[in-house]
C-alpha atoms as a PDB file:
ATOM      1  CA  MET A   1       0.000   0.000   0.000  1.00  0.00           C
ATOM      2  CA  ASP A   2       1.236   3.430  -0.819  1.00  0.00           C
ATOM      3  CA  ILE A   3       0.614   6.618   1.170  1.00  0.00           C
ATOM      4  CA  ARG A   4      -2.469   7.554  -0.847  1.00  0.00           C
ATOM      5  CA  GLU A   5      -4.109   4.175  -0.217  1.00  0.00           C
ATOM      6  CA  LEU A   6      -3.263   4.337   3.481  1.00  0.00           C
ATOM      7  CA  SER A   7      -4.688   7.828   3.715  1.00  0.00           C
ATOM      8  CA  GLU A   8      -7.910   6.705   2.031  1.00  0.00           C
ATOM      9  CA  ARG A   9      -8.181   3.740   4.401  1.00  0.00           C
ATOM     10  CA  VAL A  10      -7.666   5.987   7.436  1.00  0.00           C
ATOM     11  CA  ASP A  11     -10.416   8.291   6.144  1.00  0.00           C
ATOM     12  CA  GLN A  12     -12.753   5.321   5.669  1.00  0.00           C
ATOM     13  CA  LEU A  13     -12.073   4.061   9.188  1.00  0.00           C
ATOM     14  CA  SER A  14     -12.528   7.531  10.633  1.00  0.00           C
ATOM     15  CA  ASN A  15     -15.910   7.860   8.919  1.00  0.00           C
ATOM     16  CA  ARG A  16     -16.965   4.433  10.184  1.00  0.00           C
ATOM     17  CA  VAL A  17     -15.995   5.286  13.759  1.00  0.00           C
ATOM     18  CA  SER A  18     -18.014   8.488  13.493  1.00  0.00           C
ATOM     19  CA  GLN A  19     -21.040   6.545  12.240  1.00  0.00           C
ATOM     20  CA  LEU A  20     -20.733   4.081  15.111  1.00  0.00           C
ATOM     21  CA  GLU A  21     -20.439   6.881  17.664  1.00  0.00           C
ATOM     22  CA  HIS A  22     -23.635   8.484  16.339  1.00  0.00           C
ATOM     23  CA  ALA A  23     -25.460   5.140  16.368  1.00  0.00           C
ATOM     24  CA  LEU A  24     -24.345   4.464  19.938  1.00  0.00           C
ATOM     25  CA  ALA A  25     -25.451   7.914  21.071  1.00  0.00           C
ATOM     26  CA  ALA A  26     -28.862   7.378  19.461  1.00  0.00           C
ATOM     27  CA  MET A  27     -29.271   3.994  21.170  1.00  0.00           C
ATOM     28  CA  HIS A  28     -28.239   5.534  24.481  1.00  0.00           C
ATOM     29  CA  ASP A  29     -30.858   8.262  24.102  1.00  0.00           C
ATOM     30  CA  GLN A  30     -33.548   5.779  23.027  1.00  0.00           C
ATOM     31  CA  ALA A  31     -32.871   3.559  26.018  1.00  0.00           C
ATOM     32  CA  ALA A  32     -33.282   6.549  28.339  1.00  0.00           C
ATOM     33  CA  ILE A  33     -30.274   5.471  30.338  1.00  0.00           C
ATOM     34  CA  PRO A  34     -29.667   7.921  33.161  1.00  0.00           C
ATOM     35  CA  ALA A  35     -26.459   9.872  32.984  1.00  0.00           C
ATOM     36  CA  GLY A  36     -23.526   8.768  35.038  1.00  0.00           C
ATOM     37  CA  PHE A  37     -22.781   5.553  36.809  1.00  0.00           C
ATOM     38  CA  PRO A  38     -24.217   3.897  39.928  1.00  0.00           C
ATOM     39  CA  ASP A  39     -21.246   5.017  41.986  1.00  0.00           C
ATOM     40  CA  ASP A  40     -21.612   8.672  41.021  1.00  0.00           C
ATOM     41  CA  PRO A  41     -21.509  10.929  44.044  1.00  0.00           C
ATOM     42  CA  PRO A  42     -24.913  12.205  45.165  1.00  0.00           C
ATOM     43  CA  SER A  43     -26.094  15.539  43.859  1.00  0.00           C
ATOM     44  CA  SER A  44     -25.458  17.084  47.291  1.00  0.00           C
ATOM     45  CA  GLU A  45     -21.766  16.906  46.396  1.00  0.00           C
ATOM     46  CA  TYR A  46     -22.404  19.760  43.963  1.00  0.00           C
ATOM     47  CA  PRO A  47     -24.046  22.470  46.061  1.00  0.00           C
ATOM     48  CA  ASP A  48     -23.491  25.084  43.342  1.00  0.00           C
ATOM     49  CA  VAL A  49     -25.409  22.918  40.857  1.00  0.00           C
ATOM     50  CA  MET A  50     -28.259  22.459  43.325  1.00  0.00           C
ATOM     51  CA  GLU A  51     -28.321  26.195  44.145  1.00  0.00           C
ATOM     52  CA  ALA A  52     -28.553  27.054  40.442  1.00  0.00           C
ATOM     53  CA  LEU A  53     -31.477  24.628  40.111  1.00  0.00           C
ATOM     54  CA  GLN A  54     -33.206  26.081  43.158  1.00  0.00           C
ATOM     55  CA  ARG A  55     -32.918  29.536  41.584  1.00  0.00           C
ATOM     56  CA  GLY A  56     -34.492  28.128  38.435  1.00  0.00           C
ATOM     57  CA  ASN A  57     -31.305  28.524  36.398  1.00  0.00           C
ATOM     58  CA  LYS A  58     -31.073  25.155  34.686  1.00  0.00           C
ATOM     59  CA  ILE A  59     -28.519  26.333  32.125  1.00  0.00           C
ATOM     60  CA  GLU A  60     -26.126  27.438  34.846  1.00  0.00           C
ATOM     61  CA  ALA A  61     -26.670  24.140  36.672  1.00  0.00           C
ATOM     62  CA  ILE A  62     -25.793  22.186  33.519  1.00  0.00           C
ATOM     63  CA  LYS A  63     -22.709  24.318  32.946  1.00  0.00           C
ATOM     64  CA  ARG A  64     -21.499  23.800  36.505  1.00  0.00           C
ATOM     65  CA  TYR A  65     -22.192  20.051  36.361  1.00  0.00           C
ATOM     66  CA  ARG A  66     -20.118  19.833  33.186  1.00  0.00           C
ATOM     67  CA  GLU A  67     -17.276  21.626  34.948  1.00  0.00           C
ATOM     68  CA  HIS A  68     -17.397  19.217  37.896  1.00  0.00           C
ATOM     69  CA  ARG A  69     -17.710  15.977  35.948  1.00  0.00           C
ATOM     70  CA  ASN A  70     -15.967  16.894  32.681  1.00  0.00           C
ATOM     71  CA  VAL A  71     -18.830  15.460  30.621  1.00  0.00           C
ATOM     72  CA  GLY A  72     -20.616  16.487  27.452  1.00  0.00           C
ATOM     73  CA  LEU A  73     -23.655  18.694  27.207  1.00  0.00           C
ATOM     74  CA  ALA A  74     -26.198  15.895  26.676  1.00  0.00           C
ATOM     75  CA  GLU A  75     -24.927  13.861  29.642  1.00  0.00           C
ATOM     76  CA  ALA A  76     -24.863  16.912  31.912  1.00  0.00           C
ATOM     77  CA  LYS A  77     -28.398  17.861  30.863  1.00  0.00           C
ATOM     78  CA  ARG A  78     -29.704  14.374  31.658  1.00  0.00           C
ATOM     79  CA  ALA A  79     -27.952  14.366  35.032  1.00  0.00           C
ATOM     80  CA  VAL A  80     -29.289  17.793  36.002  1.00  0.00           C
ATOM     81  CA  GLU A  81     -32.782  16.770  34.934  1.00  0.00           C
ATOM     82  CA  GLN A  82     -32.477  13.742  37.212  1.00  0.00           C
ATOM     83  CA  MET A  83     -31.432  16.047  40.050  1.00  0.00           C
ATOM     84  CA  GLU A  84     -34.446  18.282  39.580  1.00  0.00           C
ATOM     85  CA  LYS A  85     -37.002  15.441  39.378  1.00  0.00           C
ATOM     86  CA  PRO A  86     -37.876  15.558  43.096  1.00  0.00           C
ATOM     87  CA  TRP A  87     -39.002  19.186  42.645  1.00  0.00           C
ATOM     88  CA  ARG A  88     -41.356  18.466  39.738  1.00  0.00           C
END
């Protein structure tokens, strides 16, 4: 294989990985799996997130959760929504 063929193959593999990531994300959303893991610390470990929720500032709560957990927007949104469920 020459460089051009290798480059094409890398591009193909990169595209396939991207497709698989999107499919996995869609399945995750469809399954309504809660964000995080069973051993995640309780929401009381993030008083600033809870305070933002209590003030009705969900966007700030999501931002702060992302900062604490270093997670993506969708995962942080799901986690914050789980935190606010008792108030609904």
